[in-house]
């Protein structure tokens, strides 16, 4: 079955919705940019670069009430199970997309995969994901209703992650997406929503955000707001 990337992503989400899984998952990562189109319908907003990954965040503890064979569910779309790295994180891989399952990393960190038996996957723990769950909103993705982080949480988390990136390309993608979303929020008059999230996080995280915005093109209004 041949589909372009957006159509394929929508079909994956549609099938997860049909199985009742989207009620217990949060779409995070760059595909949120598509979901924010309706949120920013009254201002100039063009969704930026999207990566190949469909990142799905699983709140802990998982709330799934039945088992779903994801490999069988997506097999006819040519997704196959793959294992990421030496730790055994499970991905569903297609030549155009990769579906990854994430959970918040707690305490001092956990290098081991987090088993999610209901989905038959091992999720990857990552830092700073709690910020994405702190405030969420419902959004429309190509006619599919789902949960996404509030745009302010999405953008500020991107800036924190960008400050720790070792890969320049990934860092640039994070920065561009974050600035695009924050500029749209400023244009929509939602400066207070940005400040509310910013002031709720640790000072160390605030410093990482300011570091990421230093000398960033088109970010002057955001820097002024946070200062």
C-alpha atoms as a PDB file:
ATOM      1  CA  UNK A   1       0.000   0.000   0.000  1.00  0.00           C
ATOM      2  CA  UNK A   2       1.527   3.294  -1.113  1.00  0.00           C
ATOM      3  CA  UNK A   3       0.681   6.457   0.842  1.00  0.00           C
ATOM      4  CA  UNK A   4       2.503   9.725   1.259  1.00  0.00           C
ATOM      5  CA  UNK A   5       3.945  10.421   4.676  1.00  0.00           C
ATOM      6  CA  UNK A   6       1.082  12.556   6.000  1.00  0.00           C
ATOM      7  CA  UNK A   7      -1.584  10.136   4.787  1.00  0.00           C
ATOM      8  CA  UNK A   8       0.322   7.233   6.292  1.00  0.00           C
ATOM      9  CA  UNK A   9       0.676   8.979   9.652  1.00  0.00           C
ATOM     10  CA  UNK A  10      -3.052   9.767   9.665  1.00  0.00           C
ATOM     11  CA  UNK A  11      -3.923   6.164   8.860  1.00  0.00           C
ATOM     12  CA  UNK A  12      -1.752   4.905  11.734  1.00  0.00           C
ATOM     13  CA  UNK A  13      -3.453   7.299  14.159  1.00  0.00           C
ATOM     14  CA  UNK A  14      -6.869   6.380  12.780  1.00  0.00           C
ATOM     15  CA  UNK A  15      -6.241   2.710  13.519  1.00  0.00           C
ATOM     16  CA  UNK A  16      -4.963   3.445  17.012  1.00  0.00           C
ATOM     17  CA  UNK A  17      -8.081   5.534  17.572  1.00  0.00           C
ATOM     18  CA  UNK A  18     -10.310   2.693  16.409  1.00  0.00           C
ATOM     19  CA  UNK A  19      -8.666   0.389  18.956  1.00  0.00           C
ATOM     20  CA  UNK A  20      -9.250   2.904  21.758  1.00  0.00           C
ATOM     21  CA  UNK A  21      -5.525   3.506  22.254  1.00  0.00           C
ATOM     22  CA  UNK A  22      -5.426   7.243  21.561  1.00  0.00           C
ATOM     23  CA  UNK A  23      -7.434   7.824  24.740  1.00  0.00           C
ATOM     24  CA  UNK A  24      -4.335   6.733  26.664  1.00  0.00           C
ATOM     25  CA  UNK A  25      -1.552   8.171  24.508  1.00  0.00           C
ATOM     26  CA  UNK A  26      -0.189  11.677  23.913  1.00  0.00           C
ATOM     27  CA  UNK A  27       1.199  12.575  20.508  1.00  0.00           C
ATOM     28  CA  UNK A  28       4.504  14.357  21.074  1.00  0.00           C
ATOM     29  CA  UNK A  29       7.388  15.290  18.802  1.00  0.00           C
ATOM     30  CA  UNK A  30       7.305  17.114  15.501  1.00  0.00           C
ATOM     31  CA  UNK A  31       3.990  15.701  14.227  1.00  0.00           C
ATOM     32  CA  UNK A  32       2.292  17.904  16.837  1.00  0.00           C
ATOM     33  CA  UNK A  33       2.970  20.776  14.454  1.00  0.00           C
ATOM     34  CA  UNK A  34       0.231  19.485  12.159  1.00  0.00           C
ATOM     35  CA  UNK A  35      -2.177  19.101  15.080  1.00  0.00           C
ATOM     36  CA  UNK A  36      -1.612  22.741  16.096  1.00  0.00           C
ATOM     37  CA  UNK A  37      -2.984  24.118  12.813  1.00  0.00           C
ATOM     38  CA  UNK A  38      -6.502  24.459  14.220  1.00  0.00           C
ATOM     39  CA  UNK A  39      -5.177  25.967  17.475  1.00  0.00           C
ATOM     40  CA  UNK A  40      -3.424  28.701  15.471  1.00  0.00           C
ATOM     41  CA  UNK A  41      -6.099  29.157  12.813  1.00  0.00           C
ATOM     42  CA  UNK A  42      -6.404  32.905  13.504  1.00  0.00           C
ATOM     43  CA  UNK A  43      -2.707  33.736  13.080  1.00  0.00           C
ATOM     44  CA  UNK A  44      -0.001  33.123  10.512  1.00  0.00           C
ATOM     45  CA  UNK A  45       1.231  29.618  11.186  1.00  0.00           C
ATOM     46  CA  UNK A  46       2.900  27.177   8.868  1.00  0.00           C
ATOM     47  CA  UNK A  47       3.851  23.789  10.331  1.00  0.00           C
ATOM     48  CA  UNK A  48       7.606  23.400  10.033  1.00  0.00           C
ATOM     49  CA  UNK A  49       9.905  20.463   9.498  1.00  0.00           C
ATOM     50  CA  UNK A  50       8.654  17.073  10.588  1.00  0.00           C
ATOM     51  CA  UNK A  51      10.866  14.123  11.327  1.00  0.00           C
ATOM     52  CA  UNK A  52      10.247  10.528  10.358  1.00  0.00           C
ATOM     53  CA  UNK A  53       9.345   9.601  13.949  1.00  0.00           C
ATOM     54  CA  UNK A  54       5.805   9.377  15.293  1.00  0.00           C
ATOM     55  CA  UNK A  55       6.465   9.754  19.030  1.00  0.00           C
ATOM     56  CA  UNK A  56       3.699   8.511  21.341  1.00  0.00           C
ATOM     57  CA  UNK A  57       3.990   9.251  25.047  1.00  0.00           C
ATOM     58  CA  UNK A  58       2.524   6.753  27.514  1.00  0.00           C
ATOM     59  CA  UNK A  59       1.658   8.260  30.934  1.00  0.00           C
ATOM     60  CA  UNK A  60       2.757   6.091  33.863  1.00  0.00           C
ATOM     61  CA  UNK A  61       1.113   3.865  34.906  1.00  0.00           C
ATOM     62  CA  UNK A  62      -0.357   2.862  31.528  1.00  0.00           C
ATOM     63  CA  UNK A  63      -4.171   2.768  31.449  1.00  0.00           C
ATOM     64  CA  UNK A  64      -4.804   0.356  28.558  1.00  0.00           C
ATOM     65  CA  UNK A  65      -7.675  -2.009  29.334  1.00  0.00           C
ATOM     66  CA  UNK A  66      -7.071  -4.596  26.599  1.00  0.00           C
ATOM     67  CA  UNK A  67      -4.265  -6.049  24.529  1.00  0.00           C
ATOM     68  CA  UNK A  68      -3.631  -4.890  20.968  1.00  0.00           C
ATOM     69  CA  UNK A  69      -1.280  -6.656  18.560  1.00  0.00           C
ATOM     70  CA  UNK A  70       0.301  -3.572  16.986  1.00  0.00           C
ATOM     71  CA  UNK A  71       2.366  -5.579  14.541  1.00  0.00           C
ATOM     72  CA  UNK A  72      -0.771  -7.273  13.186  1.00  0.00           C
ATOM     73  CA  UNK A  73      -2.717  -3.997  13.255  1.00  0.00           C
ATOM     74  CA  UNK A  74      -0.198  -2.246  10.987  1.00  0.00           C
ATOM     75  CA  UNK A  75       1.195  -5.174   9.016  1.00  0.00           C
ATOM     76  CA  UNK A  76      -0.728  -4.407   5.820  1.00  0.00           C
ATOM     77  CA  UNK A  77       0.771  -0.897   5.899  1.00  0.00           C
ATOM     78  CA  UNK A  78       4.222  -2.538   5.747  1.00  0.00           C
ATOM     79  CA  UNK A  79       5.306  -1.702   9.290  1.00  0.00           C
ATOM     80  CA  UNK A  80       7.642  -4.200  10.932  1.00  0.00           C
ATOM     81  CA  UNK A  81       8.943  -4.584  14.478  1.00  0.00           C
ATOM     82  CA  UNK A  82      12.476  -3.333  15.026  1.00  0.00           C
ATOM     83  CA  UNK A  83      14.711  -3.015  18.078  1.00  0.00           C
ATOM     84  CA  UNK A  84      16.470   0.277  18.714  1.00  0.00           C
ATOM     85  CA  UNK A  85      20.041   0.084  19.992  1.00  0.00           C
ATOM     86  CA  UNK A  86      21.366  -2.487  22.421  1.00  0.00           C
ATOM     87  CA  UNK A  87      18.755  -1.858  25.095  1.00  0.00           C
ATOM     88  CA  UNK A  88      15.816  -3.314  23.210  1.00  0.00           C
ATOM     89  CA  UNK A  89      13.465  -0.363  22.729  1.00  0.00           C
ATOM     90  CA  UNK A  90      10.808  -1.509  20.275  1.00  0.00           C
ATOM     91  CA  UNK A  91       9.891   0.528  17.207  1.00  0.00           C
ATOM     92  CA  UNK A  92       7.461  -0.064  14.376  1.00  0.00           C
ATOM     93  CA  UNK A  93       9.344   0.822  11.217  1.00  0.00           C
ATOM     94  CA  UNK A  94       8.219   1.751   7.711  1.00  0.00           C
ATOM     95  CA  UNK A  95      10.384   3.225   4.981  1.00  0.00           C
ATOM     96  CA  UNK A  96       8.630   6.569   5.516  1.00  0.00           C
ATOM     97  CA  UNK A  97       7.865   6.520   9.252  1.00  0.00           C
ATOM     98  CA  UNK A  98       8.973   5.092  12.601  1.00  0.00           C
ATOM     99  CA  UNK A  99       6.558   4.725  15.511  1.00  0.00           C
ATOM    100  CA  UNK A 100       8.230   5.052  18.900  1.00  0.00           C
ATOM    101  CA  UNK A 101       6.726   4.723  22.370  1.00  0.00           C
ATOM    102  CA  UNK A 102       8.090   6.880  25.190  1.00  0.00           C
ATOM    103  CA  UNK A 103       7.603   7.140  28.947  1.00  0.00           C
ATOM    104  CA  UNK A 104       8.847   9.815  31.370  1.00  0.00           C
ATOM    105  CA  UNK A 105      12.182   9.070  32.982  1.00  0.00           C
ATOM    106  CA  UNK A 106      11.861   9.343  36.730  1.00  0.00           C
ATOM    107  CA  UNK A 107      14.319   9.762  39.608  1.00  0.00           C
ATOM    108  CA  UNK A 108      17.965   9.349  38.708  1.00  0.00           C
ATOM    109  CA  UNK A 109      17.087   7.837  35.392  1.00  0.00           C
ATOM    110  CA  UNK A 110      16.460   4.369  34.110  1.00  0.00           C
ATOM    111  CA  UNK A 111      18.474   3.008  31.229  1.00  0.00           C
ATOM    112  CA  UNK A 112      16.232  -0.027  30.851  1.00  0.00           C
ATOM    113  CA  UNK A 113      13.217  -0.299  28.535  1.00  0.00           C
ATOM    114  CA  UNK A 114       9.796   0.104  30.137  1.00  0.00           C
ATOM    115  CA  UNK A 115       7.593  -2.888  29.244  1.00  0.00           C
ATOM    116  CA  UNK A 116       4.047  -2.177  28.089  1.00  0.00           C
ATOM    117  CA  UNK A 117       2.471  -5.646  27.812  1.00  0.00           C
ATOM    118  CA  UNK A 118      -0.882  -4.360  26.528  1.00  0.00           C
ATOM    119  CA  UNK A 119       0.852  -3.086  23.385  1.00  0.00           C
ATOM    120  CA  UNK A 120       3.582  -5.704  23.218  1.00  0.00           C
ATOM    121  CA  UNK A 121       6.303  -3.045  23.201  1.00  0.00           C
ATOM    122  CA  UNK A 122       9.155  -1.781  25.324  1.00  0.00           C
ATOM    123  CA  UNK A 123       8.963   1.996  25.688  1.00  0.00           C
ATOM    124  CA  UNK A 124      11.975   4.291  25.994  1.00  0.00           C
ATOM    125  CA  UNK A 125      12.284   6.442  29.144  1.00  0.00           C
ATOM    126  CA  UNK A 126      13.377  10.017  28.403  1.00  0.00           C
ATOM    127  CA  UNK A 127      13.935  13.101  30.521  1.00  0.00           C
ATOM    128  CA  UNK A 128      11.722  16.210  30.430  1.00  0.00           C
ATOM    129  CA  UNK A 129       8.632  14.358  29.154  1.00  0.00           C
ATOM    130  CA  UNK A 130       6.729  15.224  32.344  1.00  0.00           C
ATOM    131  CA  UNK A 131       6.665  18.810  31.072  1.00  0.00           C
ATOM    132  CA  UNK A 132       4.685  17.649  28.036  1.00  0.00           C
ATOM    133  CA  UNK A 133       2.086  16.000  30.289  1.00  0.00           C
ATOM    134  CA  UNK A 134       1.849  18.979  32.639  1.00  0.00           C
ATOM    135  CA  UNK A 135      -0.745  20.612  30.414  1.00  0.00           C
ATOM    136  CA  UNK A 136      -2.343  19.024  27.363  1.00  0.00           C
ATOM    137  CA  UNK A 137      -5.046  19.941  24.877  1.00  0.00           C
ATOM    138  CA  UNK A 138      -7.268  18.124  22.429  1.00  0.00           C
ATOM    139  CA  UNK A 139      -6.471  18.674  18.776  1.00  0.00           C
ATOM    140  CA  UNK A 140      -7.572  17.641  15.323  1.00  0.00           C
ATOM    141  CA  UNK A 141      -5.078  15.749  13.176  1.00  0.00           C
ATOM    142  CA  UNK A 142      -6.494  15.229   9.695  1.00  0.00           C
ATOM    143  CA  UNK A 143      -9.936  14.589  11.167  1.00  0.00           C
ATOM    144  CA  UNK A 144      -8.680  12.504  14.106  1.00  0.00           C
ATOM    145  CA  UNK A 145      -9.152  13.880  17.614  1.00  0.00           C
ATOM    146  CA  UNK A 146      -6.209  13.223  19.903  1.00  0.00           C
ATOM    147  CA  UNK A 147      -4.263  14.587  22.861  1.00  0.00           C
ATOM    148  CA  UNK A 148      -1.177  16.734  22.390  1.00  0.00           C
ATOM    149  CA  UNK A 149       0.921  18.877  24.744  1.00  0.00           C
ATOM    150  CA  UNK A 150      -0.209  22.475  25.080  1.00  0.00           C
ATOM    151  CA  UNK A 151       1.828  24.471  22.516  1.00  0.00           C
ATOM    152  CA  UNK A 152       3.699  26.360  25.266  1.00  0.00           C
ATOM    153  CA  UNK A 153       4.776  23.122  26.933  1.00  0.00           C
ATOM    154  CA  UNK A 154       5.730  21.632  23.580  1.00  0.00           C
ATOM    155  CA  UNK A 155       7.890  24.589  22.574  1.00  0.00           C
ATOM    156  CA  UNK A 156       9.652  25.128  25.912  1.00  0.00           C
ATOM    157  CA  UNK A 157      10.421  21.407  26.210  1.00  0.00           C
ATOM    158  CA  UNK A 158      11.919  21.529  22.704  1.00  0.00           C
ATOM    159  CA  UNK A 159      14.213  24.370  23.801  1.00  0.00           C
ATOM    160  CA  UNK A 160      15.372  22.415  26.853  1.00  0.00           C
ATOM    161  CA  UNK A 161      16.109  19.335  24.765  1.00  0.00           C
ATOM    162  CA  UNK A 162      17.844  21.402  22.074  1.00  0.00           C
ATOM    163  CA  UNK A 163      20.302  22.794  24.622  1.00  0.00           C
ATOM    164  CA  UNK A 164      21.453  19.220  25.323  1.00  0.00           C
ATOM    165  CA  UNK A 165      21.607  17.950  21.749  1.00  0.00           C
ATOM    166  CA  UNK A 166      24.914  16.697  20.419  1.00  0.00           C
ATOM    167  CA  UNK A 167      23.709  16.445  16.803  1.00  0.00           C
ATOM    168  CA  UNK A 168      23.582  19.884  15.099  1.00  0.00           C
ATOM    169  CA  UNK A 169      20.822  18.899  12.658  1.00  0.00           C
ATOM    170  CA  UNK A 170      18.484  17.639  15.396  1.00  0.00           C
ATOM    171  CA  UNK A 171      19.292  20.677  17.516  1.00  0.00           C
ATOM    172  CA  UNK A 172      18.429  23.019  14.652  1.00  0.00           C
ATOM    173  CA  UNK A 173      15.135  21.213  14.008  1.00  0.00           C
ATOM    174  CA  UNK A 174      14.163  21.489  17.679  1.00  0.00           C
ATOM    175  CA  UNK A 175      15.027  25.174  17.806  1.00  0.00           C
ATOM    176  CA  UNK A 176      13.165  26.040  14.625  1.00  0.00           C
ATOM    177  CA  UNK A 177      10.020  24.201  15.707  1.00  0.00           C
ATOM    178  CA  UNK A 178      10.062  25.780  19.167  1.00  0.00           C
ATOM    179  CA  UNK A 179      10.522  29.328  17.871  1.00  0.00           C
ATOM    180  CA  UNK A 180       7.820  28.882  15.218  1.00  0.00           C
ATOM    181  CA  UNK A 181       5.294  27.766  17.853  1.00  0.00           C
ATOM    182  CA  UNK A 182       6.236  30.448  20.384  1.00  0.00           C
ATOM    183  CA  UNK A 183       6.053  33.198  17.757  1.00  0.00           C
ATOM    184  CA  UNK A 184       2.578  31.992  16.783  1.00  0.00           C
ATOM    185  CA  UNK A 185       1.573  32.127  20.456  1.00  0.00           C
ATOM    186  CA  UNK A 186       2.885  35.672  20.815  1.00  0.00           C
ATOM    187  CA  UNK A 187       0.996  36.716  17.673  1.00  0.00           C
ATOM    188  CA  UNK A 188      -2.145  35.117  19.140  1.00  0.00           C
ATOM    189  CA  UNK A 189      -1.720  37.183  22.317  1.00  0.00           C
ATOM    190  CA  UNK A 190      -0.890  34.168  24.491  1.00  0.00           C
ATOM    191  CA  UNK A 191       2.207  35.535  26.188  1.00  0.00           C
ATOM    192  CA  UNK A 192       0.756  34.757  29.623  1.00  0.00           C
ATOM    193  CA  UNK A 193       0.366  31.091  28.709  1.00  0.00           C
ATOM    194  CA  UNK A 194       4.068  30.949  27.841  1.00  0.00           C
ATOM    195  CA  UNK A 195       5.067  32.704  31.058  1.00  0.00           C
ATOM    196  CA  UNK A 196       2.858  30.442  33.162  1.00  0.00           C
ATOM    197  CA  UNK A 197       4.705  27.348  31.963  1.00  0.00           C
ATOM    198  CA  UNK A 198       8.113  29.018  32.040  1.00  0.00           C
ATOM    199  CA  UNK A 199       7.695  30.169  35.660  1.00  0.00           C
ATOM    200  CA  UNK A 200       6.470  26.732  36.750  1.00  0.00           C
ATOM    201  CA  UNK A 201       9.684  24.908  35.838  1.00  0.00           C
ATOM    202  CA  UNK A 202      13.013  24.703  37.711  1.00  0.00           C
ATOM    203  CA  UNK A 203      15.457  27.585  37.346  1.00  0.00           C
ATOM    204  CA  UNK A 204      17.963  25.221  35.743  1.00  0.00           C
ATOM    205  CA  UNK A 205      15.488  24.474  32.963  1.00  0.00           C
ATOM    206  CA  UNK A 206      14.790  28.189  32.536  1.00  0.00           C
ATOM    207  CA  UNK A 207      18.508  28.778  32.014  1.00  0.00           C
ATOM    208  CA  UNK A 208      18.628  26.041  29.357  1.00  0.00           C
ATOM    209  CA  UNK A 209      15.721  27.698  27.546  1.00  0.00           C
ATOM    210  CA  UNK A 210      17.395  31.102  27.563  1.00  0.00           C
ATOM    211  CA  UNK A 211      20.630  29.497  26.392  1.00  0.00           C
ATOM    212  CA  UNK A 212      18.845  27.924  23.425  1.00  0.00           C
ATOM    213  CA  UNK A 213      17.322  31.275  22.436  1.00  0.00           C
ATOM    214  CA  UNK A 214      20.590  33.228  22.633  1.00  0.00           C
ATOM    215  CA  UNK A 215      21.241  34.899  19.275  1.00  0.00           C
ATOM    216  CA  UNK A 216      18.431  32.878  17.737  1.00  0.00           C
ATOM    217  CA  UNK A 217      17.013  34.546  14.594  1.00  0.00           C
ATOM    218  CA  UNK A 218      13.391  35.764  14.914  1.00  0.00           C
ATOM    219  CA  UNK A 219      13.307  35.022  18.658  1.00  0.00           C
ATOM    220  CA  UNK A 220      13.762  38.584  19.933  1.00  0.00           C
ATOM    221  CA  UNK A 221      10.162  38.952  21.138  1.00  0.00           C
ATOM    222  CA  UNK A 222      10.353  35.644  23.007  1.00  0.00           C
ATOM    223  CA  UNK A 223      13.657  36.526  24.653  1.00  0.00           C
ATOM    224  CA  UNK A 224      12.209  39.896  25.706  1.00  0.00           C
ATOM    225  CA  UNK A 225       9.140  38.174  27.160  1.00  0.00           C
ATOM    226  CA  UNK A 226      11.147  35.683  29.214  1.00  0.00           C
ATOM    227  CA  UNK A 227      13.528  38.364  30.448  1.00  0.00           C
END
